[in-house]
C-alpha atoms as a PDB file:
ATOM      1  CA  MET A   1       0.000   0.000   0.000  1.00  0.00           C
ATOM      2  CA  LEU A   2       1.290   3.464  -0.925  1.00  0.00           C
ATOM      3  CA  SER A   3       1.372   6.288   1.603  1.00  0.00           C
ATOM      4  CA  LEU A   4      -0.834   9.307   0.979  1.00  0.00           C
ATOM      5  CA  ASP A   5       2.089  11.228  -0.540  1.00  0.00           C
ATOM      6  CA  GLY A   6       3.190   8.263  -2.663  1.00  0.00           C
ATOM      7  CA  ALA A   7       6.660   8.177  -1.121  1.00  0.00           C
ATOM      8  CA  VAL A   8       6.430   5.011   0.988  1.00  0.00           C
ATOM      9  CA  LEU A   9       5.260   1.510   0.102  1.00  0.00           C
ATOM     10  CA  TRP A  10       3.985  -0.562   3.031  1.00  0.00           C
ATOM     11  CA  VAL A  11       4.153  -4.364   2.740  1.00  0.00           C
ATOM     12  CA  TYR A  12       3.012  -7.104   5.095  1.00  0.00           C
ATOM     13  CA  ARG A  13       4.984 -10.358   4.741  1.00  0.00           C
ATOM     14  CA  PRO A  14       3.397 -13.575   6.152  1.00  0.00           C
ATOM     15  CA  ASP A  15       6.817 -15.173   6.471  1.00  0.00           C
ATOM     16  CA  VAL A  16       5.978 -17.835   9.073  1.00  0.00           C
ATOM     17  CA  LEU A  17       3.435 -19.720   6.969  1.00  0.00           C
ATOM     18  CA  ALA A  18       5.554 -19.105   3.879  1.00  0.00           C
ATOM     19  CA  ASP A  19       8.350 -21.136   5.561  1.00  0.00           C
ATOM     20  CA  ARG A  20      10.912 -18.352   5.317  1.00  0.00           C
ATOM     21  CA  ASP A  21      12.426 -19.271   8.709  1.00  0.00           C
ATOM     22  CA  ARG A  22      11.694 -15.901  10.323  1.00  0.00           C
ATOM     23  CA  PRO A  23       8.791 -14.040  11.963  1.00  0.00           C
ATOM     24  CA  ASP A  24       6.102 -12.256   9.998  1.00  0.00           C
ATOM     25  CA  GLN A  25       7.359  -8.857   8.836  1.00  0.00           C
ATOM     26  CA  TRP A  26       5.874  -5.415   8.296  1.00  0.00           C
ATOM     27  CA  VAL A  27       8.127  -3.466   5.969  1.00  0.00           C
ATOM     28  CA  SER A  28       8.185   0.111   4.667  1.00  0.00           C
ATOM     29  CA  LEU A  29      10.030   0.726   1.411  1.00  0.00           C
ATOM     30  CA  ASP A  30      11.099   3.814  -0.491  1.00  0.00           C
ATOM     31  CA  ALA A  31       8.591   3.832  -3.351  1.00  0.00           C
ATOM     32  CA  GLY A  32      11.143   5.342  -5.709  1.00  0.00           C
ATOM     33  CA  THR A  33      14.138   3.092  -5.065  1.00  0.00           C
ATOM     34  CA  GLY A  34      12.729   0.037  -3.304  1.00  0.00           C
ATOM     35  CA  ALA A  35      15.178   0.507  -0.427  1.00  0.00           C
ATOM     36  CA  VAL A  36      14.007  -0.623   3.005  1.00  0.00           C
ATOM     37  CA  ILE A  37      13.224   2.332   5.265  1.00  0.00           C
ATOM     38  CA  ALA A  38      12.178   0.330   8.316  1.00  0.00           C
ATOM     39  CA  GLN A  39      10.844  -3.082   9.238  1.00  0.00           C
ATOM     40  CA  VAL A  40       9.603  -4.869  12.342  1.00  0.00           C
ATOM     41  CA  ASP A  41       9.025  -8.464  13.406  1.00  0.00           C
ATOM     42  CA  LEU A  42       5.408  -9.281  14.236  1.00  0.00           C
ATOM     43  CA  GLU A  43       4.198 -11.836  16.771  1.00  0.00           C
ATOM     44  CA  THR A  44       1.702 -13.342  14.342  1.00  0.00           C
ATOM     45  CA  VAL A  45       1.268 -16.407  12.159  1.00  0.00           C
ATOM     46  CA  GLY A  46      -0.740 -14.671   9.492  1.00  0.00           C
ATOM     47  CA  HIS A  47      -2.706 -16.105   6.582  1.00  0.00           C
ATOM     48  CA  GLY A  48      -3.045 -12.634   5.088  1.00  0.00           C
ATOM     49  CA  GLY A  49      -3.140  -8.965   5.966  1.00  0.00           C
ATOM     50  CA  GLN A  50      -5.278  -5.907   5.314  1.00  0.00           C
ATOM     51  CA  GLN A  51      -3.618  -2.471   5.345  1.00  0.00           C
ATOM     52  CA  LEU A  52      -5.597   0.772   5.660  1.00  0.00           C
ATOM     53  CA  LEU A  53      -4.262   4.315   5.483  1.00  0.00           C
ATOM     54  CA  HIS A  54      -5.485   6.754   8.067  1.00  0.00           C
ATOM     55  CA  PRO A  55      -7.045   9.572   5.980  1.00  0.00           C
ATOM     56  CA  ALA A  56      -5.803  12.475   8.112  1.00  0.00           C
ATOM     57  CA  SER A  57      -2.332  11.428   9.281  1.00  0.00           C
ATOM     58  CA  ASP A  58       0.701   9.325   8.380  1.00  0.00           C
ATOM     59  CA  GLN A  59      -0.568   6.356  10.405  1.00  0.00           C
ATOM     60  CA  VAL A  60      -1.147   2.974   8.753  1.00  0.00           C
ATOM     61  CA  PHE A  61      -3.320   0.164  10.135  1.00  0.00           C
ATOM     62  CA  LEU A  62      -2.602  -3.526   9.604  1.00  0.00           C
ATOM     63  CA  ASP A  63      -5.017  -6.337  10.405  1.00  0.00           C
ATOM     64  CA  VAL A  64      -3.375  -9.777  10.331  1.00  0.00           C
ATOM     65  CA  GLY A  65      -5.841 -12.647   9.963  1.00  0.00           C
ATOM     66  CA  GLU A  66      -4.676 -15.830  11.679  1.00  0.00           C
ATOM     67  CA  GLY A  67      -7.494 -18.115  10.584  1.00  0.00           C
ATOM     68  CA  GLN A  68      -9.232 -19.854  13.490  1.00  0.00           C
ATOM     69  CA  ASP A  69      -6.723 -18.313  15.927  1.00  0.00           C
ATOM     70  CA  GLY A  70      -8.191 -14.834  15.501  1.00  0.00           C
ATOM     71  CA  SER A  71      -6.926 -11.516  14.226  1.00  0.00           C
ATOM     72  CA  VAL A  72      -4.354  -8.962  15.392  1.00  0.00           C
ATOM     73  CA  ILE A  73      -4.604  -5.218  14.665  1.00  0.00           C
ATOM     74  CA  TYR A  74      -1.518  -2.983  14.500  1.00  0.00           C
ATOM     75  CA  ARG A  75      -0.982   0.721  13.873  1.00  0.00           C
ATOM     76  CA  ALA A  76       2.332   2.231  12.783  1.00  0.00           C
ATOM     77  CA  SER A  77       4.066   5.350  11.507  1.00  0.00           C
ATOM     78  CA  LEU A  78       7.608   6.256  10.484  1.00  0.00           C
ATOM     79  CA  ALA A  79       9.848   8.506  12.555  1.00  0.00           C
ATOM     80  CA  GLU A  80      13.529   9.149  11.824  1.00  0.00           C
ATOM     81  CA  GLY A  81      14.018   5.928   9.904  1.00  0.00           C
ATOM     82  CA  ARG A  82      12.260   3.652  12.385  1.00  0.00           C
ATOM     83  CA  MET A  83       8.771   2.219  12.583  1.00  0.00           C
ATOM     84  CA  ASP A  84       6.748   3.163  15.666  1.00  0.00           C
ATOM     85  CA  LEU A  85       4.441   0.192  16.208  1.00  0.00           C
ATOM     86  CA  VAL A  86       1.316  -0.108  18.368  1.00  0.00           C
ATOM     87  CA  CYS A  87      -0.530  -3.410  18.859  1.00  0.00           C
ATOM     88  CA  TYR A  88      -4.144  -3.142  19.988  1.00  0.00           C
ATOM     89  CA  PRO A  89      -4.983  -5.414  22.943  1.00  0.00           C
ATOM     90  CA  TRP A  90      -7.401  -7.754  21.153  1.00  0.00           C
ATOM     91  CA  SER A  91      -7.027 -11.062  19.369  1.00  0.00           C
ATOM     92  CA  ASP A  92     -10.710 -11.407  18.510  1.00  0.00           C
ATOM     93  CA  ARG A  93     -11.535  -8.236  16.523  1.00  0.00           C
ATOM     94  CA  CYS A  94     -11.298  -7.915  12.732  1.00  0.00           C
ATOM     95  CA  LEU A  95     -10.634  -4.459  11.278  1.00  0.00           C
ATOM     96  CA  ILE A  96     -13.273  -3.521   8.712  1.00  0.00           C
ATOM     97  CA  ASP A  97     -12.881   0.178   7.874  1.00  0.00           C
ATOM     98  CA  LEU A  98     -11.691   3.625   8.968  1.00  0.00           C
ATOM     99  CA  SER A  99     -14.066   6.581   8.983  1.00  0.00           C
ATOM    100  CA  PRO A 100     -13.506   9.146   6.202  1.00  0.00           C
ATOM    101  CA  ASP A 101     -12.666  11.839   8.770  1.00  0.00           C
ATOM    102  CA  GLY A 102     -10.236   9.542  10.590  1.00  0.00           C
ATOM    103  CA  ARG A 103     -11.927   9.843  13.981  1.00  0.00           C
ATOM    104  CA  GLN A 104     -13.170   6.254  14.237  1.00  0.00           C
ATOM    105  CA  PHE A 105     -12.654   2.733  13.025  1.00  0.00           C
ATOM    106  CA  MET A 106     -14.972  -0.254  12.750  1.00  0.00           C
ATOM    107  CA  THR A 107     -14.329  -3.855  13.820  1.00  0.00           C
ATOM    108  CA  VAL A 108     -16.296  -7.101  13.805  1.00  0.00           C
ATOM    109  CA  ASP A 109     -15.915  -9.858  16.380  1.00  0.00           C
ATOM    110  CA  HIS A 110     -13.883 -12.762  14.989  1.00  0.00           C
ATOM    111  CA  GLY A 111     -16.690 -15.076  16.073  1.00  0.00           C
ATOM    112  CA  GLN A 112     -19.132 -12.792  14.197  1.00  0.00           C
ATOM    113  CA  ALA A 113     -21.256 -12.049  17.269  1.00  0.00           C
ATOM    114  CA  ASP A 114     -21.099  -8.234  17.136  1.00  0.00           C
ATOM    115  CA  VAL A 115     -19.806  -5.063  15.489  1.00  0.00           C
ATOM    116  CA  ALA A 116     -18.005  -2.264  17.338  1.00  0.00           C
ATOM    117  CA  ILE A 117     -17.034   1.342  16.652  1.00  0.00           C
ATOM    118  CA  HIS A 118     -13.760   2.555  18.203  1.00  0.00           C
ATOM    119  CA  THR A 119     -12.184   5.964  18.653  1.00  0.00           C
ATOM    120  CA  TYR A 120      -8.898   6.736  16.913  1.00  0.00           C
ATOM    121  CA  ARG A 121      -6.158   6.443  18.187  1.00  0.00           C
ATOM    122  CA  ASP A 122      -6.728   4.682  21.474  1.00  0.00           C
ATOM    123  CA  GLY A 123      -9.258   2.125  20.232  1.00  0.00           C
ATOM    124  CA  GLU A 124     -11.743   2.865  23.015  1.00  0.00           C
ATOM    125  CA  VAL A 125     -15.123   1.317  22.206  1.00  0.00           C
ATOM    126  CA  THR A 126     -17.816   3.910  21.441  1.00  0.00           C
ATOM    127  CA  PHE A 127     -20.542   1.279  21.168  1.00  0.00           C
ATOM    128  CA  THR A 128     -21.063  -2.395  20.364  1.00  0.00           C
ATOM    129  CA  LEU A 129     -24.065  -3.891  18.573  1.00  0.00           C
ATOM    130  CA  SER A 130     -24.859  -7.591  18.805  1.00  0.00           C
ATOM    131  CA  VAL A 131     -26.964  -9.509  16.298  1.00  0.00           C
ATOM    132  CA  GLY A 132     -29.973  -9.080  18.573  1.00  0.00           C
ATOM    133  CA  ALA A 133     -29.836  -5.283  18.168  1.00  0.00           C
ATOM    134  CA  PHE A 134     -30.934  -5.810  14.546  1.00  0.00           C
ATOM    135  CA  GLY A 135     -33.897  -7.968  15.517  1.00  0.00           C
ATOM    136  CA  GLN A 136     -32.231 -11.188  14.375  1.00  0.00           C
ATOM    137  CA  ASP A 137     -31.764 -14.518  16.143  1.00  0.00           C
ATOM    138  CA  PRO A 138     -28.154 -14.683  17.452  1.00  0.00           C
ATOM    139  CA  ASP A 139     -28.223 -18.487  17.206  1.00  0.00           C
ATOM    140  CA  GLU A 140     -28.969 -18.371  13.481  1.00  0.00           C
ATOM    141  CA  THR A 141     -27.455 -15.066  12.314  1.00  0.00           C
ATOM    142  CA  TYR A 142     -23.924 -13.640  12.217  1.00  0.00           C
ATOM    143  CA  VAL A 143     -22.278 -10.280  11.602  1.00  0.00           C
ATOM    144  CA  GLU A 144     -20.394 -10.511   8.299  1.00  0.00           C
ATOM    145  CA  TRP A 145     -16.742  -9.393   8.024  1.00  0.00           C
ATOM    146  CA  SER A 146     -17.730  -6.616   5.617  1.00  0.00           C
ATOM    147  CA  GLY A 147     -19.585  -3.309   5.428  1.00  0.00           C
ATOM    148  CA  GLY A 148     -17.955  -0.008   6.317  1.00  0.00           C
ATOM    149  CA  TYR A 149     -18.457   3.737   6.342  1.00  0.00           C
ATOM    150  CA  LEU A 150     -20.834   5.466   3.922  1.00  0.00           C
ATOM    151  CA  SER A 151     -19.957   8.797   5.552  1.00  0.00           C
ATOM    152  CA  PRO A 152     -18.339   9.966   8.801  1.00  0.00           C
ATOM    153  CA  ASP A 153     -21.740   9.587  10.474  1.00  0.00           C
ATOM    154  CA  THR A 154     -23.066   6.375   8.896  1.00  0.00           C
ATOM    155  CA  VAL A 155     -21.813   2.799   8.722  1.00  0.00           C
ATOM    156  CA  ILE A 156     -23.230  -0.215   6.936  1.00  0.00           C
ATOM    157  CA  VAL A 157     -23.408  -3.441   8.941  1.00  0.00           C
ATOM    158  CA  THR A 158     -23.994  -6.719   7.102  1.00  0.00           C
ATOM    159  CA  LEU A 159     -25.701  -9.727   8.673  1.00  0.00           C
ATOM    160  CA  THR A 160     -25.670 -13.212   7.203  1.00  0.00           C
ATOM    161  CA  GLY A 161     -27.392 -16.536   7.773  1.00  0.00           C
ATOM    162  CA  GLU A 162     -28.878 -19.511   5.980  1.00  0.00           C
ATOM    163  CA  THR A 163     -32.411 -20.418   4.970  1.00  0.00           C
ATOM    164  CA  GLU A 164     -33.950 -23.793   5.838  1.00  0.00           C
ATOM    165  CA  ASP A 165     -32.659 -25.166   2.522  1.00  0.00           C
ATOM    166  CA  GLU A 166     -29.125 -23.927   3.353  1.00  0.00           C
ATOM    167  CA  GLN A 167     -29.136 -20.953   0.977  1.00  0.00           C
ATOM    168  CA  GLU A 168     -26.957 -18.111   2.254  1.00  0.00           C
ATOM    169  CA  TRP A 169     -28.603 -14.706   2.711  1.00  0.00           C
ATOM    170  CA  PHE A 170     -27.335 -11.199   3.531  1.00  0.00           C
ATOM    171  CA  ARG A 171     -29.049  -8.135   4.998  1.00  0.00           C
ATOM    172  CA  HIS A 172     -27.485  -4.701   5.276  1.00  0.00           C
ATOM    173  CA  TYR A 173     -28.328  -2.009   7.826  1.00  0.00           C
ATOM    174  CA  ARG A 174     -27.500   1.675   8.183  1.00  0.00           C
ATOM    175  CA  VAL A 175     -26.249   2.548  11.649  1.00  0.00           C
ATOM    176  CA  ASP A 176     -25.562   5.980  13.145  1.00  0.00           C
ATOM    177  CA  ALA A 177     -21.805   5.918  13.769  1.00  0.00           C
ATOM    178  CA  ARG A 178     -22.075   8.394  16.665  1.00  0.00           C
ATOM    179  CA  SER A 179     -24.987   7.010  18.680  1.00  0.00           C
ATOM    180  CA  GLY A 180     -25.171   3.384  17.563  1.00  0.00           C
ATOM    181  CA  GLN A 181     -28.823   3.706  16.585  1.00  0.00           C
ATOM    182  CA  VAL A 182     -29.884   1.178  13.940  1.00  0.00           C
ATOM    183  CA  GLN A 183     -31.608   3.358  11.342  1.00  0.00           C
ATOM    184  CA  ALA A 184     -32.975   1.161   8.564  1.00  0.00           C
ATOM    185  CA  GLU A 185     -32.293  -1.807   6.352  1.00  0.00           C
ATOM    186  CA  PHE A 186     -30.124  -0.782   3.401  1.00  0.00           C
ATOM    187  CA  ASP A 187     -31.039  -1.737  -0.174  1.00  0.00           C
ATOM    188  CA  ALA A 188     -27.845  -3.085  -1.741  1.00  0.00           C
ATOM    189  CA  CYS A 189     -29.419  -3.649  -5.154  1.00  0.00           C
ATOM    190  CA  GLY A 190     -26.799  -3.516  -7.893  1.00  0.00           C
ATOM    191  CA  ARG A 191     -23.866  -4.045  -5.523  1.00  0.00           C
ATOM    192  CA  THR A 192     -21.989  -7.109  -4.350  1.00  0.00           C
ATOM    193  CA  LEU A 193     -24.200  -8.841  -1.812  1.00  0.00           C
ATOM    194  CA  ARG A 194     -21.434  -9.519   0.668  1.00  0.00           C
ATOM    195  CA  HIS A 195     -19.717  -6.119   0.405  1.00  0.00           C
ATOM    196  CA  PRO A 196     -22.332  -3.417  -0.337  1.00  0.00           C
ATOM    197  CA  ALA A 197     -20.365  -0.541   1.181  1.00  0.00           C
ATOM    198  CA  SER A 198     -16.938  -1.341  -0.203  1.00  0.00           C
ATOM    199  CA  ARG A 199     -14.616   1.659  -0.332  1.00  0.00           C
ATOM    200  CA  GLY A 200     -11.847  -0.163  -2.200  1.00  0.00           C
ATOM    201  CA  ARG A 201     -10.700  -2.022   0.906  1.00  0.00           C
ATOM    202  CA  ASN A 202      -9.046  -5.406   0.651  1.00  0.00           C
ATOM    203  CA  LEU A 203     -10.230  -7.456   3.619  1.00  0.00           C
ATOM    204  CA  ALA A 204      -7.872  -9.845   5.359  1.00  0.00           C
ATOM    205  CA  ASP A 205      -8.890 -13.496   5.273  1.00  0.00           C
ATOM    206  CA  HIS A 206     -10.386 -14.231   8.703  1.00  0.00           C
ATOM    207  CA  ARG A 207     -12.060 -17.481   7.702  1.00  0.00           C
ATOM    208  CA  PRO A 208     -10.987 -20.564   9.691  1.00  0.00           C
ATOM    209  CA  ASN A 209     -10.815 -22.591   6.463  1.00  0.00           C
ATOM    210  CA  ARG A 210      -9.293 -20.217   3.924  1.00  0.00           C
ATOM    211  CA  PRO A 211      -8.703 -21.210   0.269  1.00  0.00           C
ATOM    212  CA  SER A 212      -5.608 -23.296  -0.329  1.00  0.00           C
ATOM    213  CA  GLY A 213      -2.388 -21.950  -1.840  1.00  0.00           C
ATOM    214  CA  PRO A 214       0.700 -20.045  -0.727  1.00  0.00           C
ATOM    215  CA  PRO A 215      -0.239 -17.730   2.166  1.00  0.00           C
ATOM    216  CA  GLY A 216      -0.359 -14.047   1.423  1.00  0.00           C
ATOM    217  CA  ARG A 217       1.385 -14.045  -1.929  1.00  0.00           C
ATOM    218  CA  LEU A 218      -0.595 -10.999  -2.956  1.00  0.00           C
ATOM    219  CA  ILE A 219      -0.352  -8.257  -0.370  1.00  0.00           C
ATOM    220  CA  GLY A 220      -1.967  -4.846  -0.436  1.00  0.00           C
ATOM    221  CA  ALA A 221      -5.247  -2.996  -0.533  1.00  0.00           C
ATOM    222  CA  GLY A 222      -7.397  -1.148  -3.005  1.00  0.00           C
ATOM    223  CA  THR A 223      -6.075  -1.438  -6.549  1.00  0.00           C
ATOM    224  CA  LEU A 224      -2.409  -1.765  -5.577  1.00  0.00           C
ATOM    225  CA  ARG A 225      -1.106  -5.259  -4.950  1.00  0.00           C
ATOM    226  CA  VAL A 226       2.460  -6.295  -4.303  1.00  0.00           C
ATOM    227  CA  VAL A 227       3.859  -9.750  -5.019  1.00  0.00           C
ATOM    228  CA  VAL A 228       6.244 -10.676  -2.215  1.00  0.00           C
ATOM    229  CA  PRO A 229       9.259 -12.544  -3.632  1.00  0.00           C
ATOM    230  CA  PRO A 230      10.623 -15.616  -1.856  1.00  0.00           C
ATOM    231  CA  GLY A 231      13.693 -15.361   0.323  1.00  0.00           C
END
């Protein structure tokens, strides 16, 4: 992922599962020369990673999906040739989106029981909504790892379940991002059913049984993807 000024390329490397005999890495590169500016070892065994740029600062978020073991969320910035890294104190929250004004971010429980809105930078929870808040049966319905911000004041939350004949269904709801009030069901006609509010984000793979193949060979978000070479 490129920084807002286009000068720095951020790359997550899932080196543990790629059998590179070293920890997972988060690396920042000079976008012009490819030279390493800074890198840090991560305490993860990631299947893949989602990177999101904070829209009003030089901070970058990284969500590392570890399959059935959960998800780890980091935040970092560069200072004098080093990477200042913060790890949020959860292993069960999946990063979904950052608000357009940069004041909040949205997560979904790894077990898909609820959605939460957090304040930037500290991650303090503003509110949490369980499946029951949308009038759905929590034993039959789950919060999908998708959705996001339509505006600084509105998020889309996606619920999913199965019919009696095992057909998957999705419902999308507008939620006030300040108060947590569920406003109305959202008509996603003409958009991808699973991701109606996509803002070009590339979600990390949080599924316990992810597709087979080399882990994390394509890293990045939006339209930019970086192939991580072996070694």
